[in-house]
N, C-alpha and C. Protein backbone atom coordinates (compact mmCIF):
# COMPACT_ATOMS: atom_id res chain seq x y z
N UNK A 1 -10.19 46.97 -29.99
CA UNK A 1 -9.48 46.26 -28.92
C UNK A 1 -10.08 46.80 -27.35
N UNK A 2 -10.19 46.06 -26.54
CA UNK A 2 -10.91 46.45 -25.01
C UNK A 2 -9.83 47.21 -24.57
N UNK A 3 -10.79 48.30 -23.69
CA UNK A 3 -10.02 49.11 -22.91
C UNK A 3 -9.32 48.57 -21.63
N UNK A 4 -8.35 48.63 -21.00
CA UNK A 4 -7.37 47.93 -19.91
C UNK A 4 -8.60 48.54 -18.74
N UNK A 5 -8.96 47.71 -17.90
CA UNK A 5 -9.22 48.10 -16.76
C UNK A 5 -8.74 49.38 -15.68
N UNK A 6 -9.67 50.16 -15.16
CA UNK A 6 -8.88 51.26 -14.51
C UNK A 6 -9.01 51.05 -13.46
N UNK A 7 -9.31 49.88 -12.80
CA UNK A 7 -9.37 49.32 -11.24
C UNK A 7 -8.85 47.98 -11.28
N UNK A 8 -8.41 47.74 -10.14
CA UNK A 8 -7.92 46.11 -9.53
C UNK A 8 -8.85 45.56 -9.32
N UNK A 9 -9.59 44.53 -10.31
CA UNK A 9 -10.88 43.45 -9.78
C UNK A 9 -10.55 42.82 -8.17
N UNK A 10 -9.37 42.51 -8.03
CA UNK A 10 -9.14 41.84 -6.80
C UNK A 10 -9.24 42.57 -5.47
N UNK A 11 -8.92 43.98 -5.68
CA UNK A 11 -9.33 44.98 -4.55
C UNK A 11 -10.82 45.44 -4.29
N UNK A 12 -11.41 45.38 -5.49
CA UNK A 12 -12.76 45.79 -5.69
C UNK A 12 -13.60 44.44 -4.88
N UNK A 13 -13.22 43.41 -5.36
CA UNK A 13 -13.88 42.26 -4.89
C UNK A 13 -13.67 42.20 -3.34
N UNK A 14 -12.51 42.32 -2.78
CA UNK A 14 -12.10 42.51 -1.36
C UNK A 14 -13.18 43.56 -0.47
N UNK A 15 -13.36 44.85 -1.41
CA UNK A 15 -14.13 45.88 -0.61
C UNK A 15 -15.57 45.11 -0.69
N UNK A 16 -16.03 44.75 -1.79
CA UNK A 16 -17.31 43.95 -1.87
C UNK A 16 -17.48 43.10 -0.84
N UNK A 17 -16.54 42.29 -0.60
CA UNK A 17 -16.70 41.01 0.49
C UNK A 17 -17.01 41.83 1.96
N UNK A 18 -16.11 42.85 2.09
CA UNK A 18 -16.17 43.83 3.52
C UNK A 18 -17.66 44.05 3.47
N UNK A 19 -18.07 44.92 2.35
CA UNK A 19 -19.55 45.44 2.62
C UNK A 19 -20.48 44.43 2.71
N UNK A 20 -20.64 43.54 2.16
CA UNK A 20 -21.65 42.26 2.23
C UNK A 20 -21.45 41.52 3.83
N UNK A 21 -19.93 41.49 4.35
CA UNK A 21 -19.86 40.92 5.46
C UNK A 21 -20.44 42.02 6.34
N UNK A 22 -20.39 43.16 6.45
CA UNK A 22 -20.74 44.05 7.41
C UNK A 22 -22.64 44.30 7.28
N UNK A 23 -23.06 44.24 6.05
CA UNK A 23 -24.59 44.54 5.88
C UNK A 23 -25.30 43.47 5.47
N UNK A 24 -24.72 42.37 4.85
CA UNK A 24 -25.54 40.95 4.59
C UNK A 24 -25.75 41.53 3.04
N UNK A 25 -26.50 40.46 2.29
CA UNK A 25 -26.64 40.72 0.83
C UNK A 25 -27.90 41.54 0.63
N UNK A 26 -28.91 41.25 1.43
CA UNK A 26 -30.27 42.07 1.06
C UNK A 26 -30.11 43.29 1.44
N UNK A 27 -29.29 43.65 2.50
CA UNK A 27 -29.23 45.33 2.71
C UNK A 27 -28.01 46.19 2.05
N UNK A 28 -27.24 45.57 1.57
CA UNK A 28 -26.51 45.70 0.38
C UNK A 28 -27.14 46.30 -0.74
N UNK A 29 -27.09 47.66 -1.00
CA UNK A 29 -27.57 48.03 -2.60
C UNK A 29 -26.50 48.22 -3.62
N UNK A 30 -26.98 48.22 -4.85
CA UNK A 30 -26.20 48.25 -5.84
C UNK A 30 -25.28 49.40 -5.53
N UNK A 31 -25.97 50.45 -5.39
CA UNK A 31 -25.40 51.71 -5.23
C UNK A 31 -24.05 51.76 -4.17
N UNK A 32 -24.46 50.89 -2.72
CA UNK A 32 -23.53 50.89 -1.90
C UNK A 32 -22.21 49.92 -2.49
N UNK A 33 -22.56 49.10 -3.27
CA UNK A 33 -21.35 48.38 -3.91
C UNK A 33 -20.64 49.24 -4.78
N UNK A 34 -21.15 49.90 -5.69
CA UNK A 34 -20.29 50.71 -6.54
C UNK A 34 -19.60 51.90 -5.95
N UNK A 35 -20.17 52.38 -4.75
CA UNK A 35 -19.23 53.58 -4.21
C UNK A 35 -18.18 52.84 -3.42
N UNK A 36 -18.51 51.85 -2.63
CA UNK A 36 -17.39 50.74 -2.00
C UNK A 36 -16.44 50.37 -2.74
N UNK A 37 -16.68 49.89 -3.69
CA UNK A 37 -15.66 49.21 -4.89
C UNK A 37 -15.02 50.22 -5.68
N UNK A 38 -15.54 51.52 -5.71
CA UNK A 38 -15.02 52.85 -6.40
C UNK A 38 -14.96 52.24 -8.11
N UNK A 39 -15.98 51.67 -8.54
CA UNK A 39 -16.09 51.62 -9.93
C UNK A 39 -17.46 51.87 -10.31
N UNK A 40 -17.62 52.18 -11.65
CA UNK A 40 -18.97 52.34 -12.28
C UNK A 40 -19.78 51.11 -12.68
N UNK A 41 -21.14 51.32 -12.63
CA UNK A 41 -22.07 50.00 -13.22
C UNK A 41 -21.56 49.15 -14.27
N UNK A 42 -21.09 49.83 -15.40
CA UNK A 42 -20.72 49.06 -16.43
C UNK A 42 -19.61 48.22 -16.13
N UNK A 43 -18.41 48.63 -15.45
CA UNK A 43 -17.39 47.84 -15.01
C UNK A 43 -17.76 46.65 -14.12
N UNK A 44 -18.73 47.25 -13.09
CA UNK A 44 -19.22 46.02 -12.35
C UNK A 44 -19.87 44.95 -13.12
N UNK A 45 -20.57 45.44 -14.01
CA UNK A 45 -21.27 44.32 -14.65
C UNK A 45 -20.48 43.52 -15.66
N UNK A 46 -19.46 44.05 -16.33
CA UNK A 46 -18.54 43.55 -16.95
C UNK A 46 -17.66 42.51 -16.48
N UNK A 47 -17.10 42.92 -15.13
CA UNK A 47 -16.14 41.91 -14.59
C UNK A 47 -16.92 41.15 -13.73
N UNK A 48 -17.89 41.22 -12.88
CA UNK A 48 -18.57 40.56 -12.08
C UNK A 48 -19.89 40.04 -12.08
N UNK A 49 -20.54 40.45 -13.39
CA UNK A 49 -21.87 40.01 -13.64
C UNK A 49 -22.70 40.96 -12.57
N UNK A 50 -23.73 40.45 -12.38
CA UNK A 50 -24.69 41.29 -11.21
C UNK A 50 -24.33 40.95 -9.80
N UNK A 51 -25.13 41.36 -8.93
CA UNK A 51 -25.03 41.58 -7.73
C UNK A 51 -25.05 39.94 -7.17
N UNK A 52 -25.81 39.08 -7.39
CA UNK A 52 -25.78 37.95 -6.68
C UNK A 52 -24.25 36.84 -7.14
N UNK A 53 -23.81 37.38 -8.53
CA UNK A 53 -22.66 36.81 -9.06
C UNK A 53 -21.58 37.41 -8.01
N UNK A 54 -21.56 38.65 -7.85
CA UNK A 54 -20.42 39.06 -7.17
C UNK A 54 -20.46 38.90 -5.83
N UNK A 55 -21.75 38.70 -5.18
CA UNK A 55 -21.97 38.33 -3.85
C UNK A 55 -21.27 36.58 -3.66
N UNK A 56 -21.58 35.63 -4.86
CA UNK A 56 -20.95 34.65 -4.58
C UNK A 56 -19.40 34.40 -4.75
N UNK A 57 -19.08 35.28 -5.27
CA UNK A 57 -17.55 35.55 -5.58
C UNK A 57 -17.00 35.93 -4.08
N UNK A 58 -17.61 36.94 -3.79
CA UNK A 58 -17.14 37.48 -2.60
C UNK A 58 -17.13 36.36 -1.28
N UNK A 59 -18.66 35.48 -1.26
CA UNK A 59 -18.51 34.49 -0.26
C UNK A 59 -17.56 33.53 -0.50
N UNK A 60 -17.00 33.15 -1.75
CA UNK A 60 -16.18 32.28 -2.11
C UNK A 60 -14.68 32.51 -1.53
N UNK A 61 -14.62 33.96 -1.67
CA UNK A 61 -13.16 34.40 -1.22
C UNK A 61 -12.91 34.26 0.19
N UNK A 62 -13.98 34.67 0.77
CA UNK A 62 -14.04 34.78 2.45
C UNK A 62 -13.85 33.47 3.00
N UNK A 63 -14.73 32.38 2.18
CA UNK A 63 -14.62 31.18 2.51
C UNK A 63 -13.14 30.42 2.46
N UNK A 64 -12.65 30.89 1.27
CA UNK A 64 -11.12 30.59 1.02
C UNK A 64 -10.20 31.07 2.04
N UNK A 65 -10.11 32.20 2.08
CA UNK A 65 -9.25 32.86 3.27
C UNK A 65 -9.54 32.26 4.69
N UNK A 66 -10.90 31.86 5.06
CA UNK A 66 -11.00 31.43 6.40
C UNK A 66 -10.23 29.74 6.36
N UNK A 67 -10.32 29.05 5.34
CA UNK A 67 -10.12 27.74 5.25
C UNK A 67 -8.72 27.53 5.28
N UNK A 68 -8.20 28.68 4.64
CA UNK A 68 -6.30 28.44 4.93
C UNK A 68 -5.88 28.47 6.59
N UNK A 69 -6.82 29.62 7.00
CA UNK A 69 -6.26 29.61 8.38
C UNK A 69 -6.77 28.48 9.48
N UNK A 70 -7.87 27.87 8.97
CA UNK A 70 -8.54 26.59 9.61
C UNK A 70 -7.47 25.47 9.37
N UNK A 71 -6.93 25.28 8.03
CA UNK A 71 -6.13 24.08 7.71
C UNK A 71 -4.89 24.35 8.69
N UNK A 72 -4.48 25.33 8.52
CA UNK A 72 -3.04 25.61 8.94
C UNK A 72 -3.27 25.04 10.62
N UNK A 73 -4.45 25.69 11.30
CA UNK A 73 -4.63 25.09 12.61
C UNK A 73 -4.92 23.79 12.96
N UNK A 74 -5.84 23.22 11.87
CA UNK A 74 -6.32 22.08 12.57
C UNK A 74 -5.42 20.97 11.93
N UNK A 75 -5.12 21.10 10.50
CA UNK A 75 -4.56 20.08 9.82
C UNK A 75 -2.86 19.91 10.17
N UNK A 76 -2.20 21.16 10.34
CA UNK A 76 -0.63 21.28 10.46
C UNK A 76 -0.44 21.19 11.77
N UNK A 77 -1.26 21.39 12.98
CA UNK A 77 -1.00 21.42 14.27
C UNK A 77 -0.29 20.02 14.76
N UNK A 78 0.92 20.34 15.37
CA UNK A 78 1.27 18.95 16.03
C UNK A 78 0.50 18.78 17.25
N UNK A 79 -0.28 19.46 17.96
CA UNK A 79 -1.04 19.17 19.04
C UNK A 79 -2.60 19.37 18.65
N UNK A 80 -3.31 18.43 17.98
CA UNK A 80 -4.73 19.28 17.67
C UNK A 80 -5.59 19.72 18.65
N UNK A 81 -5.73 18.98 20.01
CA UNK A 81 -6.49 19.56 20.72
C UNK A 81 -6.19 20.93 21.17
N UNK A 82 -4.83 21.15 21.45
CA UNK A 82 -4.28 22.51 21.99
C UNK A 82 -4.92 23.46 20.61
N UNK A 83 -4.89 22.97 19.56
CA UNK A 83 -4.82 24.06 18.22
C UNK A 83 -6.54 24.21 18.61
N UNK A 84 -7.25 23.32 18.65
CA UNK A 84 -8.91 23.43 18.66
C UNK A 84 -9.08 24.38 19.82
N UNK A 85 -8.21 23.90 20.98
CA UNK A 85 -8.74 24.80 22.07
C UNK A 85 -8.50 26.40 21.91
N UNK A 86 -7.17 26.45 21.18
CA UNK A 86 -7.05 27.84 21.09
C UNK A 86 -7.60 28.62 19.88
N UNK A 87 -8.06 27.67 18.75
CA UNK A 87 -9.19 28.46 17.98
C UNK A 87 -10.26 28.88 18.61
N UNK A 88 -10.87 27.99 19.68
CA UNK A 88 -12.21 28.35 20.14
C UNK A 88 -11.96 29.66 21.19
N UNK A 89 -11.00 29.46 21.90
CA UNK A 89 -10.88 30.72 22.92
C UNK A 89 -10.61 31.87 22.02
N UNK A 90 -10.15 32.00 21.13
CA UNK A 90 -9.98 33.07 20.09
C UNK A 90 -11.27 33.83 19.95
N UNK A 91 -12.32 33.17 19.83
CA UNK A 91 -13.78 33.66 19.43
C UNK A 91 -14.22 34.34 20.61
N UNK A 92 -13.44 34.34 21.84
CA UNK A 92 -14.09 34.90 22.88
C UNK A 92 -13.15 36.35 23.07
N UNK A 93 -12.31 36.46 22.36
CA UNK A 93 -11.31 37.87 22.68
C UNK A 93 -12.03 39.17 21.97
N UNK A 94 -12.23 40.11 22.86
CA UNK A 94 -12.73 41.39 22.18
C UNK A 94 -12.27 41.71 20.91
N UNK A 95 -12.89 42.51 20.21
CA UNK A 95 -12.88 42.77 18.98
C UNK A 95 -12.99 44.29 18.51
N UNK A 96 -12.28 44.81 17.75
CA UNK A 96 -12.48 46.53 17.65
C UNK A 96 -13.73 46.72 16.68
N UNK A 97 -14.58 47.61 17.33
CA UNK A 97 -15.46 47.76 16.22
C UNK A 97 -16.51 46.89 16.17
N UNK A 98 -17.66 47.10 15.88
CA UNK A 98 -19.11 45.99 16.12
C UNK A 98 -18.36 45.06 15.39
N UNK A 99 -19.05 43.59 16.04
CA UNK A 99 -18.55 42.29 15.49
C UNK A 99 -19.64 42.18 14.45
N UNK A 100 -19.06 41.59 13.33
CA UNK A 100 -19.71 41.25 12.14
C UNK A 100 -20.38 39.80 12.13
N UNK A 101 -19.77 39.18 13.00
CA UNK A 101 -19.83 37.58 12.93
C UNK A 101 -19.15 37.07 11.77
N UNK A 102 -19.51 36.01 11.30
CA UNK A 102 -18.75 35.05 9.90
C UNK A 102 -19.69 35.28 8.89
N UNK A 103 -19.05 35.57 7.92
CA UNK A 103 -19.77 35.72 6.67
C UNK A 103 -20.76 34.46 6.17
N UNK A 104 -19.82 33.55 6.32
CA UNK A 104 -20.76 32.17 6.15
C UNK A 104 -21.70 31.66 6.87
N UNK A 105 -21.49 31.87 8.25
CA UNK A 105 -22.72 31.89 9.05
C UNK A 105 -23.98 32.79 8.70
N UNK A 106 -23.64 34.33 8.61
CA UNK A 106 -24.53 35.03 8.15
C UNK A 106 -25.13 34.78 7.10
N UNK A 107 -24.36 34.30 5.92
CA UNK A 107 -25.04 34.05 4.51
C UNK A 107 -26.10 32.62 4.99
N UNK A 108 -25.44 31.61 5.69
CA UNK A 108 -26.39 30.62 6.02
C UNK A 108 -27.65 30.92 6.56
N UNK A 109 -27.84 32.00 7.61
CA UNK A 109 -28.78 32.13 8.34
C UNK A 109 -29.81 33.27 7.26
N UNK A 110 -29.15 34.02 6.73
CA UNK A 110 -29.79 35.09 5.66
C UNK A 110 -30.47 34.50 4.60
N UNK A 111 -29.62 33.75 3.78
CA UNK A 111 -30.09 33.22 2.45
C UNK A 111 -30.06 31.86 2.20
N UNK A 112 -29.64 30.86 2.52
CA UNK A 112 -29.32 29.63 2.38
C UNK A 112 -30.94 29.07 2.13
N UNK A 113 -31.72 29.39 3.18
CA UNK A 113 -33.19 28.88 2.85
C UNK A 113 -33.73 29.46 1.82
N UNK A 114 -33.13 30.15 1.21
CA UNK A 114 -33.98 30.94 -0.10
C UNK A 114 -33.35 30.77 -1.23
N UNK A 115 -32.29 29.96 -1.34
CA UNK A 115 -31.29 29.85 -2.49
C UNK A 115 -30.63 28.61 -2.50
N UNK A 116 -31.14 27.53 -3.24
CA UNK A 116 -30.67 26.15 -3.00
C UNK A 116 -29.25 26.14 -3.57
N UNK A 117 -28.80 26.95 -4.72
CA UNK A 117 -27.65 26.74 -5.05
C UNK A 117 -26.56 27.15 -4.03
N UNK A 118 -26.88 28.43 -3.38
CA UNK A 118 -26.43 28.83 -2.38
C UNK A 118 -26.18 27.87 -0.95
N UNK A 119 -27.53 27.42 -0.68
CA UNK A 119 -27.43 26.31 0.32
C UNK A 119 -26.46 25.35 -0.02
N UNK A 120 -26.38 24.91 -1.21
CA UNK A 120 -25.62 23.70 -1.57
C UNK A 120 -23.97 23.98 -1.40
N UNK A 121 -23.58 25.30 -1.88
CA UNK A 121 -22.59 25.72 -1.81
C UNK A 121 -21.84 25.89 -0.19
N UNK A 122 -22.76 26.26 0.41
CA UNK A 122 -22.49 26.40 1.98
C UNK A 122 -22.46 24.87 2.69
N UNK A 123 -23.21 24.25 2.43
CA UNK A 123 -23.16 22.88 2.85
C UNK A 123 -21.87 22.32 2.55
N UNK A 124 -21.64 22.19 1.66
CA UNK A 124 -20.03 21.65 1.17
C UNK A 124 -18.94 22.19 1.87
N UNK A 125 -19.33 23.75 1.94
CA UNK A 125 -18.15 24.50 2.73
C UNK A 125 -18.02 23.78 4.24
N UNK A 126 -19.08 23.88 4.82
CA UNK A 126 -19.12 23.64 6.26
C UNK A 126 -18.92 21.83 6.33
N UNK A 127 -19.18 21.07 5.24
CA UNK A 127 -18.71 19.90 5.36
C UNK A 127 -16.99 19.71 5.54
N UNK A 128 -16.33 20.53 4.83
CA UNK A 128 -15.35 20.77 4.83
C UNK A 128 -14.44 20.92 6.14
N UNK A 129 -15.05 22.20 6.33
CA UNK A 129 -14.43 22.42 7.89
C UNK A 129 -14.83 21.32 8.80
N UNK A 130 -15.96 20.40 8.78
CA UNK A 130 -16.17 19.51 9.75
C UNK A 130 -15.23 18.38 9.55
N UNK A 131 -14.74 18.09 8.19
CA UNK A 131 -13.56 16.98 7.73
C UNK A 131 -12.35 17.53 8.66
N UNK A 132 -11.95 18.62 8.36
CA UNK A 132 -10.65 19.45 9.00
C UNK A 132 -11.00 18.88 10.48
N UNK A 133 -11.94 19.19 11.21
CA UNK A 133 -11.99 18.88 12.66
C UNK A 133 -12.05 17.22 13.11
N UNK A 134 -12.48 16.82 12.14
CA UNK A 134 -12.60 15.40 12.36
C UNK A 134 -11.24 14.73 12.19
N UNK A 135 -10.73 15.27 11.40
CA UNK A 135 -9.29 14.75 10.89
C UNK A 135 -8.22 15.14 12.22
N UNK A 136 -8.43 16.35 12.58
CA UNK A 136 -7.59 16.67 14.04
C UNK A 136 -7.70 15.81 15.00
N UNK A 137 -9.26 15.57 15.61
CA UNK A 137 -9.69 14.73 16.28
C UNK A 137 -9.23 13.19 16.19
N UNK A 138 -9.39 12.82 15.17
CA UNK A 138 -8.79 11.38 14.84
C UNK A 138 -7.08 11.39 15.32
N UNK A 139 -6.50 12.50 14.96
CA UNK A 139 -5.07 12.50 15.16
C UNK A 139 -5.02 12.40 16.78
N UNK A 140 -5.60 13.42 17.16
CA UNK A 140 -5.69 13.43 18.93
C UNK A 140 -5.93 11.91 19.26
N UNK A 141 -6.90 11.36 18.84
CA UNK A 141 -7.41 10.07 19.50
C UNK A 141 -6.06 9.40 19.14
N UNK A 142 -5.60 9.03 18.13
CA UNK A 142 -4.04 8.36 18.08
C UNK A 142 -3.11 8.54 18.70
N UNK A 143 -3.05 9.79 18.96
CA UNK A 143 -1.83 10.28 19.92
C UNK A 143 -2.24 9.91 21.40
N UNK A 144 -3.44 9.46 21.75
CA UNK A 144 -3.65 9.17 23.07
C UNK A 144 -4.22 10.41 23.83
N UNK A 145 -4.44 11.59 23.34
CA UNK A 145 -5.04 12.85 23.86
C UNK A 145 -6.51 12.86 23.95
N UNK A 146 -7.36 11.94 23.25
CA UNK A 146 -8.41 11.90 22.99
C UNK A 146 -9.37 10.49 23.31
N UNK A 147 -10.06 10.30 24.33
CA UNK A 147 -10.41 9.04 24.61
C UNK A 147 -11.04 8.28 23.51
N UNK A 148 -10.85 6.95 23.26
CA UNK A 148 -10.92 5.85 22.27
C UNK A 148 -12.41 5.97 22.06
N UNK A 149 -13.24 5.99 23.04
CA UNK A 149 -14.98 6.12 22.95
C UNK A 149 -15.35 7.22 22.53
N UNK A 150 -14.83 8.38 22.02
CA UNK A 150 -15.15 9.60 21.44
C UNK A 150 -15.01 9.45 20.04
N UNK A 151 -16.02 9.41 19.59
CA UNK A 151 -16.45 9.76 17.90
C UNK A 151 -15.88 11.04 17.48
N UNK A 152 -14.71 10.87 16.60
CA UNK A 152 -14.46 12.23 16.07
C UNK A 152 -15.01 12.97 14.93
N UNK A 153 -15.94 12.28 14.30
CA UNK A 153 -17.09 12.63 13.42
C UNK A 153 -18.26 13.28 14.12
N UNK A 154 -18.64 13.03 15.17
CA UNK A 154 -19.54 13.38 15.99
C UNK A 154 -19.31 14.73 16.64
N UNK A 155 -17.82 14.49 17.26
CA UNK A 155 -17.47 15.72 17.93
C UNK A 155 -17.19 17.01 17.00
N UNK A 156 -16.51 16.53 15.68
CA UNK A 156 -16.41 17.49 14.82
C UNK A 156 -17.77 18.25 14.58
N UNK A 157 -18.84 17.34 14.26
CA UNK A 157 -20.29 18.10 13.95
C UNK A 157 -20.72 19.01 14.96
N UNK A 158 -20.21 18.63 16.12
CA UNK A 158 -20.77 19.31 17.28
C UNK A 158 -19.89 20.78 17.61
N UNK A 159 -18.54 20.60 17.15
CA UNK A 159 -17.70 21.85 17.43
C UNK A 159 -17.70 22.80 16.06
N UNK A 160 -18.27 22.33 14.84
CA UNK A 160 -18.66 23.27 13.92
C UNK A 160 -20.08 23.91 14.30
N UNK A 161 -20.69 23.03 14.85
CA UNK A 161 -22.23 23.64 15.19
C UNK A 161 -22.13 24.78 16.09
N UNK A 162 -21.21 24.57 17.31
CA UNK A 162 -20.81 25.48 18.47
C UNK A 162 -20.23 26.60 17.76
N UNK A 163 -19.40 26.69 16.89
CA UNK A 163 -18.48 27.69 16.18
C UNK A 163 -19.57 28.53 15.30
N UNK A 164 -20.68 27.89 14.84
CA UNK A 164 -21.52 28.70 14.15
C UNK A 164 -22.31 29.53 15.04
N UNK A 165 -23.05 28.99 16.45
CA UNK A 165 -23.63 29.20 17.35
C UNK A 165 -22.91 30.61 17.75
N UNK A 166 -21.42 30.40 18.17
CA UNK A 166 -20.82 31.59 18.75
C UNK A 166 -20.56 32.66 17.69
N UNK A 167 -20.91 32.58 16.55
CA UNK A 167 -20.65 33.55 15.58
C UNK A 167 -21.94 34.09 15.54
N UNK A 168 -22.99 33.57 15.70
CA UNK A 168 -24.39 33.87 15.63
C UNK A 168 -24.60 34.94 16.75
N UNK A 169 -23.93 34.58 17.99
CA UNK A 169 -24.05 35.23 19.37
C UNK A 169 -23.14 36.58 19.17
N UNK A 170 -22.19 36.35 18.53
CA UNK A 170 -21.28 37.32 18.47
C UNK A 170 -21.64 38.66 17.59
N UNK A 171 -22.35 38.26 16.66
CA UNK A 171 -22.97 39.10 15.89
C UNK A 171 -24.31 39.89 16.32
N UNK A 172 -24.85 39.06 17.30
CA UNK A 172 -26.02 39.78 18.11
C UNK A 172 -25.69 40.51 19.10
N UNK A 173 -24.36 40.60 19.65
CA UNK A 173 -23.86 41.67 20.56
C UNK A 173 -23.60 40.86 21.69
N UNK A 174 -23.63 39.38 22.06
CA UNK A 174 -23.07 38.85 23.55
C UNK A 174 -21.60 39.29 23.84
N UNK A 175 -21.45 39.37 24.59
CA UNK A 175 -20.16 40.07 25.52
C UNK A 175 -19.10 38.55 25.33
N UNK A 176 -17.96 39.16 25.19
CA UNK A 176 -16.83 38.37 25.25
C UNK A 176 -17.08 37.42 26.60
N UNK A 177 -17.25 37.96 27.68
CA UNK A 177 -17.41 37.11 28.76
C UNK A 177 -18.57 35.59 28.71
N UNK A 178 -19.80 36.18 27.95
CA UNK A 178 -20.73 35.26 27.55
C UNK A 178 -20.32 34.29 26.56
N UNK A 179 -19.63 34.84 25.50
CA UNK A 179 -18.92 33.92 24.62
C UNK A 179 -18.02 32.89 24.92
N UNK A 180 -17.05 33.47 26.21
CA UNK A 180 -16.01 32.85 26.81
C UNK A 180 -16.82 31.65 27.62
N UNK A 181 -17.91 31.81 28.28
CA UNK A 181 -18.78 30.81 29.01
C UNK A 181 -19.18 29.54 27.72
N UNK A 182 -19.74 29.92 27.13
CA UNK A 182 -20.13 28.99 25.91
C UNK A 182 -19.01 28.16 25.35
N UNK A 183 -17.74 28.98 25.00
CA UNK A 183 -16.60 28.00 24.28
C UNK A 183 -16.49 27.56 25.53
N UNK A 184 -15.90 27.71 27.03
CA UNK A 184 -15.26 26.88 27.87
C UNK A 184 -16.11 25.57 28.19
N UNK A 185 -17.25 25.95 28.22
CA UNK A 185 -18.43 24.57 28.33
C UNK A 185 -18.26 23.65 27.30
N UNK A 186 -18.43 24.40 26.16
CA UNK A 186 -18.14 23.25 24.67
C UNK A 186 -17.02 22.48 24.67
N UNK A 187 -15.80 23.07 25.03
CA UNK A 187 -14.55 22.58 24.93
C UNK A 187 -14.20 21.27 26.13
N UNK A 188 -15.31 21.16 27.09
CA UNK A 188 -15.44 20.14 28.12
C UNK A 188 -15.46 19.04 27.19
N UNK A 189 -16.19 18.69 25.82
CA UNK A 189 -16.33 17.54 25.23
C UNK A 189 -14.78 16.91 24.87
N UNK A 190 -13.93 17.78 25.06
CA UNK A 190 -12.81 17.30 24.50
C UNK A 190 -11.81 16.27 25.67
N UNK A 191 -12.34 16.57 26.99
CA UNK A 191 -11.77 16.13 27.83
C UNK A 191 -11.89 14.53 28.32
């Protein structure tokens, strides 16, 4: 009979996700993970597999959590343009502690060019986000809040690209006022 786990796998995965978000994949050692997750090597391998499998699980969890918030903001909002503006303006709000950026963006920059499976996974995640933006923009156009001449699909792609760029700038130490300048300028495409 197998021994019951002496740790909560969900909590351990959350801790791993936070560590990968802070340090990235390459800079995170196995010992870092074991210490952060507060588990032994055997438990780690038995539950999650190797470092790469753990990373994929952590990245998927992060993406799933973020997509819930984006879906709430973009899909369920009665005023899609106001929701998009509010979302983008939140990117320039000061954060406590060092900015870690977005784990999906960080991973896209760090690992996607080197790992075709991960590149494909990220590409699908970004496409889902793009579709959410496009749907919100289409609703805004139907409401008369967005000019008929504007292509929701192209605008969605631009907004996702801007969101990625803002995350990179944030991680790179840009000040909130600099991010705000980028966000305000980008949002003029919605006028």
